């Protein structure tokens, strides 16, 4: 099973990613843009996700994806760590969020990301 240490390890391995504590929790940024957070209980993590895609994810796999009421208007989705198949799925989700936040120069420089 994956855990918050796996989230941190994979995320920090992505190009030009930094960790910064904000709102009392670890957040991860590329070029100053946040793309992953690990909430206090460390049983889930949040990633960037366009709102129109988020509803599809939640409808398809509600045991894996969810949005707390206070984040309903944001373009983020939470992912339950215990529901992930393996570390490859975790990496795919983290890389997708990184690609949404990374500047084009980075995405182009690392075409194998994803």
PDB file of N, CA and C in Angstrom:
ATOM      1  N   UNK A   1       0.836  -1.178   0.000  1.00  0.00           N
ATOM      2  CA  UNK A   1       0.000   0.000   0.000  1.00  0.00           C
ATOM      3  C   UNK A   1       0.887   1.250   0.000  1.00  0.00           C
ATOM      4  N   UNK A   2       0.452   2.248  -0.737  1.00  0.00           N
ATOM      5  CA  UNK A   2       1.205   3.495  -0.784  1.00  0.00           C
ATOM      6  C   UNK A   2       0.862   4.368   0.420  1.00  0.00           C
ATOM      7  N   UNK A   3       1.796   5.253   0.770  1.00  0.00           N
ATOM      8  CA  UNK A   3       1.547   6.152   1.894  1.00  0.00           C
ATOM      9  C   UNK A   3       2.078   7.545   1.569  1.00  0.00           C
ATOM     10  N   UNK A   4       1.963   8.447   2.535  1.00  0.00           N
ATOM     11  CA  UNK A   4       2.368   9.830   2.286  1.00  0.00           C
ATOM     12  C   UNK A   4       3.872   9.961   2.030  1.00  0.00           C
ATOM     13  N   UNK A   5       4.671   9.042   2.548  1.00  0.00           N
ATOM     14  CA  UNK A   5       6.104   9.064   2.251  1.00  0.00           C
ATOM     15  C   UNK A   5       6.354   8.797   0.770  1.00  0.00           C
ATOM     16  N   UNK A   6       5.546   7.897   0.179  1.00  0.00           N
ATOM     17  CA  UNK A   6       5.656   7.626  -1.258  1.00  0.00           C
ATOM     18  C   UNK A   6       5.275   8.871  -2.065  1.00  0.00           C
ATOM     19  N   UNK A   7       4.219   9.558  -1.621  1.00  0.00           N
ATOM     20  CA  UNK A   7       3.805  10.797  -2.303  1.00  0.00           C
ATOM     21  C   UNK A   7       4.965  11.786  -2.294  1.00  0.00           C
ATOM     22  N   UNK A   8       5.565  11.982  -1.153  1.00  0.00           N
ATOM     23  CA  UNK A   8       6.685  12.928  -1.007  1.00  0.00           C
ATOM     24  C   UNK A   8       7.875  12.496  -1.876  1.00  0.00           C
ATOM     25  N   UNK A   9       8.247  11.241  -1.815  1.00  0.00           N
ATOM     26  CA  UNK A   9       9.413  10.745  -2.561  1.00  0.00           C
ATOM     27  C   UNK A   9       9.214  10.921  -4.068  1.00  0.00           C
ATOM     28  N   UNK A  10       8.070  10.504  -4.585  1.00  0.00           N
ATOM     29  CA  UNK A  10       7.805  10.602  -6.027  1.00  0.00           C
ATOM     30  C   UNK A  10       7.701  12.057  -6.458  1.00  0.00           C
ATOM     31  N   UNK A  11       6.992  12.848  -5.669  1.00  0.00           N
ATOM     32  CA  UNK A  11       6.786  14.251  -6.026  1.00  0.00           C
ATOM     33  C   UNK A  11       8.103  15.014  -6.061  1.00  0.00           C
ATOM     34  N   UNK A  12       8.939  14.831  -5.055  1.00  0.00           N
ATOM     35  CA  UNK A  12      10.209  15.560  -5.015  1.00  0.00           C
ATOM     36  C   UNK A  12      11.182  15.107  -6.100  1.00  0.00           C
ATOM     37  N   UNK A  13      10.951  13.957  -6.713  1.00  0.00           N
ATOM     38  CA  UNK A  13      11.792  13.486  -7.817  1.00  0.00           C
ATOM     39  C   UNK A  13      11.410  14.142  -9.148  1.00  0.00           C
ATOM     40  N   UNK A  14      10.263  14.819  -9.191  1.00  0.00           N
ATOM     41  CA  UNK A  14       9.834  15.482 -10.423  1.00  0.00           C
ATOM     42  C   UNK A  14      10.660  16.744 -10.631  1.00  0.00           C
ATOM     43  N   UNK A  15      10.975  17.084 -11.876  1.00  0.00           N
ATOM     44  CA  UNK A  15      11.849  18.230 -12.167  1.00  0.00           C
ATOM     45  C   UNK A  15      11.393  19.535 -11.499  1.00  0.00           C
ATOM     46  N   UNK A  16      12.356  20.183 -10.879  1.00  0.00           N
ATOM     47  CA  UNK A  16      12.199  21.509 -10.265  1.00  0.00           C
ATOM     48  C   UNK A  16      11.074  21.602  -9.234  1.00  0.00           C
ATOM     49  N   UNK A  17      10.815  20.499  -8.553  1.00  0.00           N
ATOM     50  CA  UNK A  17       9.779  20.483  -7.511  1.00  0.00           C
ATOM     51  C   UNK A  17      10.391  20.849  -6.165  1.00  0.00           C
ATOM     52  N   UNK A  18       9.658  21.665  -5.419  1.00  0.00           N
ATOM     53  CA  UNK A  18      10.071  22.037  -4.074  1.00  0.00           C
ATOM     54  C   UNK A  18       8.923  21.765  -3.108  1.00  0.00           C
ATOM     55  N   UNK A  19       9.277  21.579  -1.852  1.00  0.00           N
ATOM     56  CA  UNK A  19       8.280  21.375  -0.799  1.00  0.00           C
ATOM     57  C   UNK A  19       8.221  22.615   0.075  1.00  0.00           C
ATOM     58  N   UNK A  20       7.013  23.016   0.424  1.00  0.00           N
ATOM     59  CA  UNK A  20       6.815  24.177   1.293  1.00  0.00           C
ATOM     60  C   UNK A  20       5.615  23.905   2.192  1.00  0.00           C
ATOM     61  N   UNK A  21       5.762  24.174   3.476  1.00  0.00           N
ATOM     62  CA  UNK A  21       4.639  24.021   4.391  1.00  0.00           C
ATOM     63  C   UNK A  21       3.736  25.243   4.243  1.00  0.00           C
ATOM     64  N   UNK A  22       2.453  24.997   4.009  1.00  0.00           N
ATOM     65  CA  UNK A  22       1.441  26.054   3.914  1.00  0.00           C
ATOM     66  C   UNK A  22       0.172  25.532   4.568  1.00  0.00           C
ATOM     67  N   UNK A  23      -0.522  26.371   5.280  1.00  0.00           N
ATOM     68  CA  UNK A  23      -1.732  25.972   6.002  1.00  0.00           C
ATOM     69  C   UNK A  23      -1.461  24.792   6.935  1.00  0.00           C
ATOM     70  N   UNK A  24      -0.232  24.697   7.425  1.00  0.00           N
ATOM     71  CA  UNK A  24       0.138  23.641   8.349  1.00  0.00           C
ATOM     72  C   UNK A  24       0.322  22.274   7.715  1.00  0.00           C
ATOM     73  N   UNK A  25       0.416  22.206   6.389  1.00  0.00           N
ATOM     74  CA  UNK A  25       0.598  20.912   5.725  1.00  0.00           C
ATOM     75  C   UNK A  25       1.641  21.032   4.622  1.00  0.00           C
ATOM     76  N   UNK A  26       2.244  19.894   4.238  1.00  0.00           N
ATOM     77  CA  UNK A  26       3.201  19.919   3.139  1.00  0.00           C
ATOM     78  C   UNK A  26       2.487  20.222   1.820  1.00  0.00           C
ATOM     79  N   UNK A  27       3.083  21.130   1.052  1.00  0.00           N
ATOM     80  CA  UNK A  27       2.611  21.400  -0.302  1.00  0.00           C
ATOM     81  C   UNK A  27       3.820  21.271  -1.221  1.00  0.00           C
ATOM     82  N   UNK A  28       3.563  20.937  -2.469  1.00  0.00           N
ATOM     83  CA  UNK A  28       4.640  20.734  -3.428  1.00  0.00           C
ATOM     84  C   UNK A  28       4.372  21.622  -4.633  1.00  0.00           C
ATOM     85  N   UNK A  29       5.435  22.274  -5.106  1.00  0.00           N
ATOM     86  CA  UNK A  29       5.298  23.287  -6.143  1.00  0.00           C
ATOM     87  C   UNK A  29       6.336  23.101  -7.232  1.00  0.00           C
ATOM     88  N   UNK A  30       5.944  23.516  -8.433  1.00  0.00           N
ATOM     89  CA  UNK A  30       6.864  23.592  -9.554  1.00  0.00           C
ATOM     90  C   UNK A  30       6.743  25.006 -10.106  1.00  0.00           C
ATOM     91  N   UNK A  31       7.869  25.679 -10.259  1.00  0.00           N
ATOM     92  CA  UNK A  31       7.888  27.068 -10.724  1.00  0.00           C
ATOM     93  C   UNK A  31       6.940  27.934  -9.894  1.00  0.00           C
ATOM     94  N   UNK A  32       6.873  27.663  -8.594  1.00  0.00           N
ATOM     95  CA  UNK A  32       6.040  28.449  -7.697  1.00  0.00           C
ATOM     96  C   UNK A  32       4.567  28.089  -7.680  1.00  0.00           C
ATOM     97  N   UNK A  33       4.142  27.178  -8.546  1.00  0.00           N
ATOM     98  CA  UNK A  33       2.726  26.780  -8.597  1.00  0.00           C
ATOM     99  C   UNK A  33       2.519  25.477  -7.845  1.00  0.00           C
ATOM    100  N   UNK A  34       1.586  25.495  -6.922  1.00  0.00           N
ATOM    101  CA  UNK A  34       1.284  24.313  -6.122  1.00  0.00           C
ATOM    102  C   UNK A  34       0.577  23.278  -6.988  1.00  0.00           C
ATOM    103  N   UNK A  35       0.989  22.001  -6.825  1.00  0.00           N
ATOM    104  CA  UNK A  35       0.329  20.939  -7.576  1.00  0.00           C
ATOM    105  C   UNK A  35       0.013  19.697  -6.748  1.00  0.00           C
ATOM    106  N   UNK A  36       0.486  19.641  -5.506  1.00  0.00           N
ATOM    107  CA  UNK A  36       0.147  18.533  -4.605  1.00  0.00           C
ATOM    108  C   UNK A  36       0.136  19.074  -3.175  1.00  0.00           C
ATOM    109  N   UNK A  37      -0.835  18.597  -2.390  1.00  0.00           N
ATOM    110  CA  UNK A  37      -0.830  18.853  -0.950  1.00  0.00           C
ATOM    111  C   UNK A  37      -1.092  17.529  -0.234  1.00  0.00           C
ATOM    112  N   UNK A  38      -0.587  17.433   0.983  1.00  0.00           N
ATOM    113  CA  UNK A  38      -0.858  16.271   1.822  1.00  0.00           C
ATOM    114  C   UNK A  38      -1.549  16.774   3.087  1.00  0.00           C
ATOM    115  N   UNK A  39      -2.862  16.602   3.185  1.00  0.00           N
ATOM    116  CA  UNK A  39      -3.593  17.057   4.374  1.00  0.00           C
ATOM    117  C   UNK A  39      -3.114  16.357   5.648  1.00  0.00           C
ATOM    118  N   UNK A  40      -3.528  16.919   6.780  1.00  0.00           N
ATOM    119  CA  UNK A  40      -3.061  16.486   8.097  1.00  0.00           C
ATOM    120  C   UNK A  40      -3.117  14.987   8.370  1.00  0.00           C
ATOM    121  N   UNK A  41      -4.211  14.334   8.003  1.00  0.00           N
ATOM    122  CA  UNK A  41      -4.343  12.926   8.391  1.00  0.00           C
ATOM    123  C   UNK A  41      -3.487  11.989   7.543  1.00  0.00           C
ATOM    124  N   UNK A  42      -2.924  12.487   6.441  1.00  0.00           N
ATOM    125  CA  UNK A  42      -2.023  11.747   5.566  1.00  0.00           C
ATOM    126  C   UNK A  42      -2.628  10.468   4.983  1.00  0.00           C
ATOM    127  N   UNK A  43      -3.948  10.356   4.929  1.00  0.00           N
ATOM    128  CA  UNK A  43      -4.587   9.199   4.298  1.00  0.00           C
ATOM    129  C   UNK A  43      -4.968   9.492   2.855  1.00  0.00           C
ATOM    130  N   UNK A  44      -4.818  10.756   2.472  1.00  0.00           N
ATOM    131  CA  UNK A  44      -5.117  11.158   1.102  1.00  0.00           C
ATOM    132  C   UNK A  44      -4.153  12.275   0.716  1.00  0.00           C
ATOM    133  N   UNK A  45      -4.228  12.658  -0.544  1.00  0.00           N
ATOM    134  CA  UNK A  45      -3.475  13.811  -1.019  1.00  0.00           C
ATOM    135  C   UNK A  45      -4.356  14.513  -2.041  1.00  0.00           C
ATOM    136  N   UNK A  46      -4.050  15.765  -2.318  1.00  0.00           N
ATOM    137  CA  UNK A  46      -4.832  16.545  -3.270  1.00  0.00           C
ATOM    138  C   UNK A  46      -3.952  16.920  -4.454  1.00  0.00           C
ATOM    139  N   UNK A  47      -4.552  16.866  -5.647  1.00  0.00           N
ATOM    140  CA  UNK A  47      -3.844  17.225  -6.879  1.00  0.00           C
ATOM    141  C   UNK A  47      -4.725  18.126  -7.736  1.00  0.00           C
ATOM    142  N   UNK A  48      -4.090  18.818  -8.648  1.00  0.00           N
ATOM    143  CA  UNK A  48      -4.821  19.637  -9.604  1.00  0.00           C
ATOM    144  C   UNK A  48      -5.668  18.733 -10.503  1.00  0.00           C
ATOM    145  N   UNK A  49      -6.863  19.199 -10.813  1.00  0.00           N
ATOM    146  CA  UNK A  49      -7.740  18.437 -11.698  1.00  0.00           C
ATOM    147  C   UNK A  49      -8.808  19.385 -12.231  1.00  0.00           C
ATOM    148  N   UNK A  50      -8.891  19.553 -13.545  1.00  0.00           N
ATOM    149  CA  UNK A  50      -9.946  20.412 -14.085  1.00  0.00           C
ATOM    150  C   UNK A  50     -11.311  19.958 -13.576  1.00  0.00           C
ATOM    151  N   UNK A  51     -12.158  20.907 -13.211  1.00  0.00           N
ATOM    152  CA  UNK A  51     -13.447  20.579 -12.596  1.00  0.00           C
ATOM    153  C   UNK A  51     -14.265  19.641 -13.469  1.00  0.00           C
ATOM    154  N   UNK A  52     -14.276  19.837 -14.785  1.00  0.00           N
ATOM    155  CA  UNK A  52     -15.077  18.966 -15.652  1.00  0.00           C
ATOM    156  C   UNK A  52     -14.569  17.522 -15.647  1.00  0.00           C
ATOM    157  N   UNK A  53     -13.276  17.320 -15.487  1.00  0.00           N
ATOM    158  CA  UNK A  53     -12.725  15.967 -15.399  1.00  0.00           C
ATOM    159  C   UNK A  53     -12.929  15.369 -14.012  1.00  0.00           C
ATOM    160  N   UNK A  54     -12.917  16.226 -13.010  1.00  0.00           N
ATOM    161  CA  UNK A  54     -13.048  15.770 -11.631  1.00  0.00           C
ATOM    162  C   UNK A  54     -14.357  15.023 -11.411  1.00  0.00           C
ATOM    163  N   UNK A  55     -15.444  15.543 -11.924  1.00  0.00           N
ATOM    164  CA  UNK A  55     -16.745  14.890 -11.738  1.00  0.00           C
ATOM    165  C   UNK A  55     -16.748  13.491 -12.358  1.00  0.00           C
ATOM    166  N   UNK A  56     -16.100  13.356 -13.502  1.00  0.00           N
ATOM    167  CA  UNK A  56     -16.007  12.043 -14.152  1.00  0.00           C
ATOM    168  C   UNK A  56     -15.193  11.072 -13.295  1.00  0.00           C
ATOM    169  N   UNK A  57     -14.095  11.544 -12.746  1.00  0.00           N
ATOM    170  CA  UNK A  57     -13.263  10.690 -11.884  1.00  0.00           C
ATOM    171  C   UNK A  57     -14.039  10.207 -10.664  1.00  0.00           C
ATOM    172  N   UNK A  58     -14.713  11.138 -10.019  1.00  0.00           N
ATOM    173  CA  UNK A  58     -15.463  10.795  -8.809  1.00  0.00           C
ATOM    174  C   UNK A  58     -16.592   9.831  -9.136  1.00  0.00           C
ATOM    175  N   UNK A  59     -17.299  10.055 -10.237  1.00  0.00           N
ATOM    176  CA  UNK A  59     -18.393   9.165 -10.631  1.00  0.00           C
ATOM    177  C   UNK A  59     -17.878   7.760 -10.958  1.00  0.00           C
ATOM    178  N   UNK A  60     -16.711   7.683 -11.594  1.00  0.00           N
ATOM    179  CA  UNK A  60     -16.157   6.386 -11.991  1.00  0.00           C
ATOM    180  C   UNK A  60     -15.549   5.618 -10.821  1.00  0.00           C
ATOM    181  N   UNK A  61     -14.900   6.329  -9.901  1.00  0.00           N
ATOM    182  CA  UNK A  61     -14.201   5.671  -8.790  1.00  0.00           C
ATOM    183  C   UNK A  61     -14.383   6.467  -7.496  1.00  0.00           C
ATOM    184  N   UNK A  62     -15.596   6.485  -6.943  1.00  0.00           N
ATOM    185  CA  UNK A  62     -15.845   7.283  -5.736  1.00  0.00           C
ATOM    186  C   UNK A  62     -15.071   6.799  -4.509  1.00  0.00           C
ATOM    187  N   UNK A  63     -14.629   5.559  -4.514  1.00  0.00           N
ATOM    188  CA  UNK A  63     -13.844   5.056  -3.390  1.00  0.00           C
ATOM    189  C   UNK A  63     -12.414   5.604  -3.428  1.00  0.00           C
ATOM    190  N   UNK A  64     -11.999   6.118  -4.595  1.00  0.00           N
ATOM    191  CA  UNK A  64     -10.637   6.624  -4.774  1.00  0.00           C
ATOM    192  C   UNK A  64     -10.588   8.147  -4.773  1.00  0.00           C
ATOM    193  N   UNK A  65     -11.519   8.792  -5.475  1.00  0.00           N
ATOM    194  CA  UNK A  65     -11.490  10.243  -5.652  1.00  0.00           C
ATOM    195  C   UNK A  65     -12.655  10.904  -4.935  1.00  0.00           C
ATOM    196  N   UNK A  66     -12.405  12.080  -4.352  1.00  0.00           N
ATOM    197  CA  UNK A  66     -13.455  12.826  -3.652  1.00  0.00           C
ATOM    198  C   UNK A  66     -13.035  14.283  -3.495  1.00  0.00           C
ATOM    199  N   UNK A  67     -13.992  15.099  -3.136  1.00  0.00           N
ATOM    200  CA  UNK A  67     -13.737  16.523  -2.907  1.00  0.00           C
ATOM    201  C   UNK A  67     -14.463  16.939  -1.639  1.00  0.00           C
ATOM    202  N   UNK A  68     -13.739  17.474  -0.660  1.00  0.00           N
ATOM    203  CA  UNK A  68     -14.422  17.972   0.530  1.00  0.00           C
ATOM    204  C   UNK A  68     -15.223  19.228   0.170  1.00  0.00           C
ATOM    205  N   UNK A  69     -16.298  19.479   0.884  1.00  0.00           N
ATOM    206  CA  UNK A  69     -17.161  20.622   0.551  1.00  0.00           C
ATOM    207  C   UNK A  69     -16.423  21.957   0.425  1.00  0.00           C
ATOM    208  N   UNK A  70     -15.443  22.206   1.276  1.00  0.00           N
ATOM    209  CA  UNK A  70     -14.740  23.494   1.220  1.00  0.00           C
ATOM    210  C   UNK A  70     -13.843  23.647  -0.006  1.00  0.00           C
ATOM    211  N   UNK A  71     -13.638  22.572  -0.778  1.00  0.00           N
ATOM    212  CA  UNK A  71     -12.817  22.632  -1.991  1.00  0.00           C
ATOM    213  C   UNK A  71     -13.645  22.462  -3.259  1.00  0.00           C
ATOM    214  N   UNK A  72     -14.966  22.467  -3.133  1.00  0.00           N
ATOM    215  CA  UNK A  72     -15.851  22.200  -4.271  1.00  0.00           C
ATOM    216  C   UNK A  72     -15.655  23.163  -5.436  1.00  0.00           C
ATOM    217  N   UNK A  73     -15.321  24.387  -5.169  1.00  0.00           N
ATOM    218  CA  UNK A  73     -15.172  25.377  -6.236  1.00  0.00           C
ATOM    219  C   UNK A  73     -13.769  25.391  -6.844  1.00  0.00           C
ATOM    220  N   UNK A  74     -12.860  24.637  -6.277  1.00  0.00           N
ATOM    221  CA  UNK A  74     -11.480  24.640  -6.770  1.00  0.00           C
ATOM    222  C   UNK A  74     -11.264  23.570  -7.825  1.00  0.00           C
ATOM    223  N   UNK A  75     -10.181  23.696  -8.556  1.00  0.00           N
ATOM    224  CA  UNK A  75      -9.834  22.709  -9.580  1.00  0.00           C
ATOM    225  C   UNK A  75      -8.854  21.690  -8.997  1.00  0.00           C
ATOM    226  N   UNK A  76      -9.273  21.074  -7.889  1.00  0.00           N
ATOM    227  CA  UNK A  76      -8.474  20.075  -7.192  1.00  0.00           C
ATOM    228  C   UNK A  76      -9.352  18.878  -6.866  1.00  0.00           C
ATOM    229  N   UNK A  77      -8.713  17.725  -6.701  1.00  0.00           N
ATOM    230  CA  UNK A  77      -9.411  16.518  -6.270  1.00  0.00           C
ATOM    231  C   UNK A  77      -8.535  15.823  -5.242  1.00  0.00           C
ATOM    232  N   UNK A  78      -9.169  15.165  -4.289  1.00  0.00           N
ATOM    233  CA  UNK A  78      -8.424  14.367  -3.297  1.00  0.00           C
ATOM    234  C   UNK A  78      -8.373  12.923  -3.776  1.00  0.00           C
ATOM    235  N   UNK A  79      -7.305  12.251  -3.397  1.00  0.00           N
ATOM    236  CA  UNK A  79      -7.099  10.847  -3.763  1.00  0.00           C
ATOM    237  C   UNK A  79      -6.815  10.070  -2.489  1.00  0.00           C
ATOM    238  N   UNK A  80      -7.593   9.019  -2.246  1.00  0.00           N
ATOM    239  CA  UNK A  80      -7.374   8.169  -1.071  1.00  0.00           C
ATOM    240  C   UNK A  80      -6.216   7.223  -1.350  1.00  0.00           C
ATOM    241  N   UNK A  81      -5.193   7.302  -0.517  1.00  0.00           N
ATOM    242  CA  UNK A  81      -4.011   6.470  -0.715  1.00  0.00           C
ATOM    243  C   UNK A  81      -4.331   4.983  -0.675  1.00  0.00           C
ATOM    244  N   UNK A  82      -5.186   4.563   0.234  1.00  0.00           N
ATOM    245  CA  UNK A  82      -5.497   3.137   0.380  1.00  0.00           C
ATOM    246  C   UNK A  82      -6.204   2.564  -0.840  1.00  0.00           C
ATOM    247  N   UNK A  83      -6.803   3.407  -1.671  1.00  0.00           N
ATOM    248  CA  UNK A  83      -7.551   2.930  -2.836  1.00  0.00           C
ATOM    249  C   UNK A  83      -6.686   2.806  -4.094  1.00  0.00           C
ATOM    250  N   UNK A  84      -5.457   3.262  -4.034  1.00  0.00           N
ATOM    251  CA  UNK A  84      -4.591   3.183  -5.210  1.00  0.00           C
ATOM    252  C   UNK A  84      -4.143   1.749  -5.457  1.00  0.00           C
ATOM    253  N   UNK A  85      -4.011   1.410  -6.722  1.00  0.00           N
ATOM    254  CA  UNK A  85      -3.587   0.053  -7.092  1.00  0.00           C
ATOM    255  C   UNK A  85      -2.127  -0.208  -6.722  1.00  0.00           C
ATOM    256  N   UNK A  86      -1.265   0.763  -7.035  1.00  0.00           N
ATOM    257  CA  UNK A  86       0.162   0.575  -6.789  1.00  0.00           C
ATOM    258  C   UNK A  86       0.891   1.914  -6.941  1.00  0.00           C
ATOM    259  N   UNK A  87       2.215   1.867  -6.796  1.00  0.00           N
ATOM    260  CA  UNK A  87       2.994   3.104  -6.888  1.00  0.00           C
ATOM    261  C   UNK A  87       3.021   3.657  -8.311  1.00  0.00           C
ATOM    262  N   UNK A  88       2.828   2.813  -9.309  1.00  0.00           N
ATOM    263  CA  UNK A  88       2.774   3.308 -10.696  1.00  0.00           C
ATOM    264  C   UNK A  88       1.542   4.197 -10.896  1.00  0.00           C
ATOM    265  N   UNK A  89       0.406   3.797 -10.334  1.00  0.00           N
ATOM    266  CA  UNK A  89      -0.788   4.631 -10.432  1.00  0.00           C
ATOM    267  C   UNK A  89      -0.568   5.940  -9.671  1.00  0.00           C
ATOM    268  N   UNK A  90       0.037   5.867  -8.507  1.00  0.00           N
ATOM    269  CA  UNK A  90       0.345   7.065  -7.735  1.00  0.00           C
ATOM    270  C   UNK A  90       1.218   8.004  -8.567  1.00  0.00           C
ATOM    271  N   UNK A  91       2.259   7.476  -9.165  1.00  0.00           N
ATOM    272  CA  UNK A  91       3.165   8.298  -9.977  1.00  0.00           C
ATOM    273  C   UNK A  91       2.412   8.946 -11.136  1.00  0.00           C
ATOM    274  N   UNK A  92       1.565   8.198 -11.823  1.00  0.00           N
ATOM    275  CA  UNK A  92       0.803   8.752 -12.955  1.00  0.00           C
ATOM    276  C   UNK A  92      -0.048   9.943 -12.518  1.00  0.00           C
ATOM    277  N   UNK A  93      -0.701   9.823 -11.372  1.00  0.00           N
ATOM    278  CA  UNK A  93      -1.554  10.905 -10.864  1.00  0.00           C
ATOM    279  C   UNK A  93      -0.703  12.124 -10.510  1.00  0.00           C
ATOM    280  N   UNK A  94       0.432  11.903  -9.858  1.00  0.00           N
ATOM    281  CA  UNK A  94       1.302  13.007  -9.468  1.00  0.00           C
ATOM    282  C   UNK A  94       1.920  13.700 -10.681  1.00  0.00           C
ATOM    283  N   UNK A  95       2.344  12.923 -11.662  1.00  0.00           N
ATOM    284  CA  UNK A  95       2.930  13.508 -12.879  1.00  0.00           C
ATOM    285  C   UNK A  95       1.877  14.314 -13.639  1.00  0.00           C
ATOM    286  N   UNK A  96       0.649  13.819 -13.700  1.00  0.00           N
ATOM    287  CA  UNK A  96      -0.410  14.556 -14.381  1.00  0.00           C
ATOM    288  C   UNK A  96      -0.611  15.923 -13.727  1.00  0.00           C
ATOM    289  N   UNK A  97      -0.628  15.967 -12.407  1.00  0.00           N
ATOM    290  CA  UNK A  97      -0.791  17.234 -11.700  1.00  0.00           C
ATOM    291  C   UNK A  97       0.422  18.138 -11.940  1.00  0.00           C
ATOM    292  N   UNK A  98       1.619  17.563 -11.922  1.00  0.00           N
ATOM    293  CA  UNK A  98       2.847  18.327 -12.191  1.00  0.00           C
ATOM    294  C   UNK A  98       2.770  18.970 -13.571  1.00  0.00           C
ATOM    295  N   UNK A  99       2.343  18.200 -14.576  1.00  0.00           N
ATOM    296  CA  UNK A  99       2.249  18.709 -15.947  1.00  0.00           C
ATOM    297  C   UNK A  99       1.264  19.882 -16.043  1.00  0.00           C
ATOM    298  N   UNK A 100       0.218  19.866 -15.230  1.00  0.00           N
ATOM    299  CA  UNK A 100      -0.758  20.960 -15.251  1.00  0.00           C
ATOM    300  C   UNK A 100      -0.169  22.249 -14.676  1.00  0.00           C
ATOM    301  N   UNK A 101       0.769  22.137 -13.768  1.00  0.00           N
ATOM    302  CA  UNK A 101       1.346  23.312 -13.114  1.00  0.00           C
ATOM    303  C   UNK A 101       2.673  23.763 -13.718  1.00  0.00           C
ATOM    304  N   UNK A 102       3.407  22.842 -14.306  1.00  0.00           N
ATOM    305  CA  UNK A 102       4.746  23.156 -14.817  1.00  0.00           C
ATOM    306  C   UNK A 102       4.673  24.096 -16.023  1.00  0.00           C
ATOM    307  N   UNK A 103       5.653  24.994 -16.141  1.00  0.00           N
ATOM    308  CA  UNK A 103       5.695  25.860 -17.313  1.00  0.00           C
ATOM    309  C   UNK A 103       6.008  25.033 -18.566  1.00  0.00           C
ATOM    310  N   UNK A 104       5.560  25.503 -19.721  1.00  0.00           N
ATOM    311  CA  UNK A 104       5.792  24.744 -20.969  1.00  0.00           C
ATOM    312  C   UNK A 104       7.245  24.343 -21.193  1.00  0.00           C
ATOM    313  N   UNK A 105       8.192  25.207 -20.812  1.00  0.00           N
ATOM    314  CA  UNK A 105       9.609  24.879 -21.022  1.00  0.00           C
ATOM    315  C   UNK A 105       9.999  23.600 -20.295  1.00  0.00           C
ATOM    316  N   UNK A 106       9.429  23.382 -19.100  1.00  0.00           N
ATOM    317  CA  UNK A 106       9.739  22.165 -18.346  1.00  0.00           C
ATOM    318  C   UNK A 106       9.047  20.959 -18.950  1.00  0.00           C
ATOM    319  N   UNK A 107       7.789  21.110 -19.314  1.00  0.00           N
ATOM    320  CA  UNK A 107       7.046  19.993 -19.901  1.00  0.00           C
ATOM    321  C   UNK A 107       7.736  19.545 -21.187  1.00  0.00           C
ATOM    322  N   UNK A 108       8.183  20.519 -21.980  1.00  0.00           N
ATOM    323  CA  UNK A 108       8.891  20.201 -23.234  1.00  0.00           C
ATOM    324  C   UNK A 108      10.254  19.578 -22.966  1.00  0.00           C
ATOM    325  N   UNK A 109      10.912  20.003 -21.910  1.00  0.00           N
ATOM    326  CA  UNK A 109      12.245  19.482 -21.585  1.00  0.00           C
ATOM    327  C   UNK A 109      12.196  18.045 -21.066  1.00  0.00           C
ATOM    328  N   UNK A 110      11.046  17.639 -20.550  1.00  0.00           N
ATOM    329  CA  UNK A 110      10.888  16.304 -19.995  1.00  0.00           C
ATOM    330  C   UNK A 110       9.687  15.613 -20.636  1.00  0.00           C
ATOM    331  N   UNK A 111       9.777  15.325 -21.950  1.00  0.00           N
ATOM    332  CA  UNK A 111       8.619  14.754 -22.651  1.00  0.00           C
ATOM    333  C   UNK A 111       8.211  13.374 -22.158  1.00  0.00           C
ATOM    334  N   UNK A 112       9.099  12.665 -21.488  1.00  0.00           N
ATOM    335  CA  UNK A 112       8.770  11.343 -20.974  1.00  0.00           C
ATOM    336  C   UNK A 112       7.936  11.379 -19.696  1.00  0.00           C
ATOM    337  N   UNK A 113       7.706  12.569 -19.176  1.00  0.00           N
ATOM    338  CA  UNK A 113       6.925  12.682 -17.938  1.00  0.00           C
ATOM    339  C   UNK A 113       5.467  12.406 -18.268  1.00  0.00           C
ATOM    340  N   UNK A 114       4.956  11.328 -17.717  1.00  0.00           N
ATOM    341  CA  UNK A 114       3.539  11.072 -17.938  1.00  0.00           C
ATOM    342  C   UNK A 114       3.236   9.797 -18.587  1.00  0.00           C
TER     343      UNK A 114
END
